N, C-alpha and C. Protein backbone atom coordinates (compact mmCIF):
# COMPACT_ATOMS: atom_id res chain seq x y z
N MET A 1 -68.86 4.66 1.54
CA MET A 1 -68.78 5.02 2.93
C MET A 1 -67.44 4.54 3.49
N ALA A 2 -66.88 5.32 4.35
CA ALA A 2 -65.58 4.99 4.94
C ALA A 2 -65.72 3.85 5.94
N ARG A 3 -64.68 3.08 6.02
CA ARG A 3 -64.68 1.93 6.92
C ARG A 3 -64.23 2.35 8.31
N ASN A 4 -64.84 1.80 9.33
CA ASN A 4 -64.46 2.11 10.69
C ASN A 4 -63.29 1.20 11.09
N TYR A 5 -62.09 1.74 11.10
CA TYR A 5 -60.91 0.93 11.38
C TYR A 5 -60.65 0.74 12.86
N LYS A 6 -61.42 1.36 13.70
CA LYS A 6 -61.26 1.12 15.13
C LYS A 6 -61.77 -0.28 15.49
N ASP A 7 -62.78 -0.75 14.79
CA ASP A 7 -63.32 -2.08 15.05
C ASP A 7 -62.64 -3.16 14.23
N TYR A 8 -61.76 -2.79 13.30
CA TYR A 8 -61.12 -3.75 12.40
C TYR A 8 -59.85 -4.28 13.07
N GLN A 9 -59.81 -5.55 13.29
CA GLN A 9 -58.63 -6.18 13.87
C GLN A 9 -57.85 -6.84 12.75
N TYR A 10 -56.68 -6.26 12.44
CA TYR A 10 -55.93 -6.69 11.27
C TYR A 10 -55.47 -8.14 11.39
N PHE A 11 -54.85 -8.50 12.51
CA PHE A 11 -54.29 -9.84 12.64
C PHE A 11 -55.37 -10.90 12.84
N ALA A 12 -56.50 -10.53 13.36
CA ALA A 12 -57.60 -11.48 13.48
C ALA A 12 -58.19 -11.82 12.12
N ASN A 13 -58.11 -10.88 11.19
CA ASN A 13 -58.67 -11.09 9.85
C ASN A 13 -57.63 -11.58 8.85
N ARG A 14 -56.36 -11.65 9.23
CA ARG A 14 -55.30 -12.08 8.33
C ARG A 14 -54.48 -13.21 8.96
N PRO A 15 -54.96 -14.45 8.96
CA PRO A 15 -54.21 -15.55 9.57
C PRO A 15 -52.94 -15.90 8.80
N ASP A 16 -52.87 -15.54 7.50
CA ASP A 16 -51.65 -15.82 6.75
C ASP A 16 -50.48 -14.97 7.24
N VAL A 17 -50.75 -13.72 7.62
CA VAL A 17 -49.70 -12.86 8.16
C VAL A 17 -49.25 -13.37 9.52
N VAL A 18 -50.18 -13.83 10.32
CA VAL A 18 -49.84 -14.36 11.64
C VAL A 18 -48.98 -15.62 11.50
N LYS A 19 -49.28 -16.45 10.49
CA LYS A 19 -48.50 -17.67 10.26
C LYS A 19 -47.06 -17.33 9.88
N VAL A 20 -46.87 -16.32 9.04
CA VAL A 20 -45.52 -15.92 8.64
C VAL A 20 -44.72 -15.46 9.85
N TRP A 21 -45.34 -14.64 10.70
CA TRP A 21 -44.62 -14.15 11.87
C TRP A 21 -44.33 -15.27 12.86
N ASP A 22 -45.26 -16.21 13.03
CA ASP A 22 -45.01 -17.34 13.92
C ASP A 22 -43.89 -18.23 13.39
N ASP A 23 -43.88 -18.46 12.08
CA ASP A 23 -42.81 -19.25 11.49
C ASP A 23 -41.46 -18.55 11.61
N LEU A 24 -41.46 -17.25 11.42
CA LEU A 24 -40.21 -16.50 11.56
C LEU A 24 -39.69 -16.55 12.99
N GLU A 25 -40.58 -16.45 13.95
CA GLU A 25 -40.16 -16.52 15.35
C GLU A 25 -39.64 -17.92 15.70
N ALA A 26 -40.29 -18.96 15.18
CA ALA A 26 -39.82 -20.32 15.45
C ALA A 26 -38.47 -20.57 14.78
N TYR A 27 -38.26 -20.06 13.57
CA TYR A 27 -36.98 -20.19 12.89
C TYR A 27 -35.89 -19.42 13.63
N HIS A 28 -36.23 -18.26 14.15
CA HIS A 28 -35.26 -17.47 14.93
C HIS A 28 -34.86 -18.22 16.20
N ASP A 29 -35.81 -18.84 16.87
CA ASP A 29 -35.50 -19.61 18.07
C ASP A 29 -34.61 -20.81 17.74
N PHE A 30 -34.88 -21.47 16.61
CA PHE A 30 -34.04 -22.60 16.20
C PHE A 30 -32.61 -22.14 15.96
N CYS A 31 -32.45 -21.04 15.24
CA CYS A 31 -31.10 -20.53 14.97
C CYS A 31 -30.40 -20.09 16.25
N ARG A 32 -31.15 -19.57 17.18
CA ARG A 32 -30.56 -19.13 18.44
C ARG A 32 -30.09 -20.32 19.27
N PHE A 33 -30.88 -21.39 19.32
CA PHE A 33 -30.52 -22.55 20.12
C PHE A 33 -29.43 -23.39 19.45
N GLU A 34 -29.42 -23.45 18.13
CA GLU A 34 -28.44 -24.26 17.41
C GLU A 34 -27.17 -23.47 17.06
N LEU A 35 -27.13 -22.18 17.40
CA LEU A 35 -25.99 -21.30 17.17
C LEU A 35 -25.61 -21.22 15.70
N CYS A 36 -26.59 -21.12 14.84
CA CYS A 36 -26.32 -20.93 13.41
C CYS A 36 -26.74 -19.52 13.01
N ASP A 37 -26.27 -19.09 11.87
CA ASP A 37 -26.55 -17.73 11.41
C ASP A 37 -28.02 -17.56 11.09
N PHE A 38 -28.61 -16.50 11.61
CA PHE A 38 -30.02 -16.22 11.35
C PHE A 38 -30.12 -15.18 10.25
N ASN A 39 -30.82 -15.53 9.19
CA ASN A 39 -31.10 -14.60 8.12
C ASN A 39 -32.59 -14.70 7.82
N PRO A 40 -33.36 -13.65 8.07
CA PRO A 40 -34.80 -13.74 7.84
C PRO A 40 -35.16 -14.01 6.38
N ALA A 41 -34.26 -13.70 5.46
CA ALA A 41 -34.54 -13.96 4.05
C ALA A 41 -34.51 -15.46 3.73
N ASP A 42 -33.94 -16.27 4.61
CA ASP A 42 -33.88 -17.71 4.39
C ASP A 42 -35.17 -18.43 4.74
N LEU A 43 -36.12 -17.73 5.32
CA LEU A 43 -37.38 -18.37 5.67
C LEU A 43 -38.10 -18.79 4.39
N TYR A 44 -38.54 -20.04 4.34
CA TYR A 44 -39.22 -20.67 3.21
C TYR A 44 -38.31 -20.89 2.01
N ARG A 45 -36.99 -20.76 2.17
CA ARG A 45 -36.07 -21.06 1.07
C ARG A 45 -35.53 -22.47 1.27
N LYS A 46 -35.89 -23.36 0.38
CA LYS A 46 -35.51 -24.76 0.52
C LYS A 46 -34.03 -25.00 0.24
N ASP A 47 -33.35 -24.09 -0.45
CA ASP A 47 -31.94 -24.30 -0.75
C ASP A 47 -31.02 -23.78 0.35
N SER A 48 -31.55 -23.16 1.37
CA SER A 48 -30.75 -22.68 2.49
C SER A 48 -30.43 -23.85 3.43
N VAL A 49 -29.18 -23.95 3.84
CA VAL A 49 -28.75 -25.05 4.70
C VAL A 49 -29.39 -24.94 6.07
N ASN A 50 -29.45 -23.74 6.61
CA ASN A 50 -30.04 -23.56 7.94
C ASN A 50 -31.53 -23.86 7.94
N TYR A 51 -32.23 -23.45 6.89
CA TYR A 51 -33.67 -23.72 6.83
C TYR A 51 -33.94 -25.21 6.61
N GLN A 52 -33.08 -25.90 5.88
CA GLN A 52 -33.21 -27.35 5.74
C GLN A 52 -33.03 -28.05 7.08
N ALA A 53 -32.07 -27.57 7.88
CA ALA A 53 -31.87 -28.15 9.22
C ALA A 53 -33.08 -27.86 10.11
N TYR A 54 -33.66 -26.69 9.97
CA TYR A 54 -34.86 -26.35 10.73
C TYR A 54 -36.02 -27.26 10.35
N LEU A 55 -36.22 -27.49 9.06
CA LEU A 55 -37.29 -28.38 8.62
C LEU A 55 -37.05 -29.81 9.08
N ALA A 56 -35.79 -30.24 9.09
CA ALA A 56 -35.48 -31.59 9.55
C ALA A 56 -35.76 -31.73 11.04
N SER A 57 -35.60 -30.66 11.79
CA SER A 57 -35.86 -30.75 13.23
C SER A 57 -37.36 -30.77 13.52
N LYS A 58 -38.17 -30.28 12.59
CA LYS A 58 -39.62 -30.26 12.78
C LYS A 58 -40.31 -31.52 12.26
N ARG A 59 -39.54 -32.39 11.58
CA ARG A 59 -40.11 -33.61 11.01
C ARG A 59 -40.50 -34.57 12.12
N PRO A 60 -41.61 -35.27 11.98
CA PRO A 60 -42.00 -36.22 13.03
C PRO A 60 -41.03 -37.40 13.07
N ARG A 61 -40.77 -37.88 14.26
CA ARG A 61 -39.83 -38.98 14.46
C ARG A 61 -40.57 -40.27 14.69
N ARG A 62 -39.88 -41.37 14.46
CA ARG A 62 -40.42 -42.68 14.77
C ARG A 62 -40.43 -42.88 16.26
N PRO A 63 -41.41 -43.55 16.80
CA PRO A 63 -41.39 -43.80 18.24
C PRO A 63 -40.28 -44.79 18.59
N TYR A 64 -39.69 -44.61 19.75
CA TYR A 64 -38.62 -45.48 20.21
C TYR A 64 -39.21 -46.82 20.60
N MET A 65 -38.65 -47.88 20.04
CA MET A 65 -39.17 -49.22 20.30
C MET A 65 -38.30 -50.01 21.28
N GLY A 66 -37.30 -49.38 21.85
CA GLY A 66 -36.41 -50.09 22.78
C GLY A 66 -35.42 -50.93 22.00
N ASN A 67 -35.04 -52.05 22.58
CA ASN A 67 -34.08 -52.94 21.93
C ASN A 67 -34.77 -53.90 20.97
N LYS A 68 -36.08 -53.76 20.81
CA LYS A 68 -36.84 -54.62 19.93
C LYS A 68 -36.56 -54.28 18.47
N PRO A 69 -36.24 -55.24 17.65
CA PRO A 69 -36.15 -54.93 16.22
C PRO A 69 -37.54 -54.78 15.62
N ARG A 70 -37.59 -54.29 14.40
CA ARG A 70 -38.87 -54.06 13.75
C ARG A 70 -39.54 -55.34 13.30
N TRP A 71 -38.79 -56.41 13.18
CA TRP A 71 -39.36 -57.68 12.76
C TRP A 71 -39.59 -58.56 13.98
N ASP A 72 -40.42 -59.56 13.84
CA ASP A 72 -40.72 -60.45 14.94
C ASP A 72 -39.64 -61.53 15.00
N ASN A 73 -38.90 -61.56 16.07
CA ASN A 73 -37.77 -62.46 16.19
C ASN A 73 -38.16 -63.79 16.84
N ASN A 74 -39.40 -63.95 17.23
CA ASN A 74 -39.80 -65.14 17.96
C ASN A 74 -40.33 -66.25 17.06
N LYS A 75 -40.53 -65.99 15.79
CA LYS A 75 -41.04 -67.00 14.88
C LYS A 75 -39.93 -68.00 14.54
N PRO A 76 -40.26 -69.29 14.50
CA PRO A 76 -39.22 -70.27 14.12
C PRO A 76 -38.92 -70.18 12.64
N ARG A 77 -37.68 -70.44 12.31
CA ARG A 77 -37.28 -70.45 10.91
C ARG A 77 -37.67 -71.77 10.27
N TYR A 78 -37.98 -71.69 8.99
CA TYR A 78 -38.27 -72.91 8.26
C TYR A 78 -36.96 -73.56 7.83
N ASN A 79 -36.94 -74.85 7.76
CA ASN A 79 -35.76 -75.62 7.38
C ASN A 79 -34.60 -75.34 8.32
N ASN A 80 -34.90 -75.29 9.59
CA ASN A 80 -33.88 -74.99 10.58
C ASN A 80 -32.90 -76.15 10.74
N GLU A 81 -33.35 -77.39 10.44
CA GLU A 81 -32.50 -78.55 10.63
C GLU A 81 -31.36 -78.58 9.62
N SER A 82 -31.59 -78.04 8.44
CA SER A 82 -30.56 -78.12 7.40
C SER A 82 -29.44 -77.12 7.65
N ARG A 83 -29.58 -76.25 8.57
CA ARG A 83 -28.53 -75.25 8.82
C ARG A 83 -27.45 -75.79 9.74
N PHE A 84 -27.74 -76.86 10.46
CA PHE A 84 -26.76 -77.41 11.40
C PHE A 84 -26.24 -78.75 10.89
N SER A 85 -24.98 -79.02 11.10
CA SER A 85 -24.42 -80.31 10.69
C SER A 85 -24.62 -81.31 11.82
N ARG A 86 -24.87 -82.56 11.49
CA ARG A 86 -25.08 -83.60 12.50
C ARG A 86 -24.00 -84.61 12.49
């Protein structure tokens, strides 16, 4: 029996196709804002310089900690007396 294609929603049933188009649109926006050459063939190519820059921009960043270093600076040092001459 023939399928009724009026009720068939292609993009609702194919999330992989929607993901490709969304990724392509996001890559196009990145190239547009960063003023680099846009080539749709570079999407998902790890050896492309522009796509590597796009992936680096999507990487999660560390939260800003202010002027605080990552280590605790308030702990006293051991053998602190031997460091100074008397």
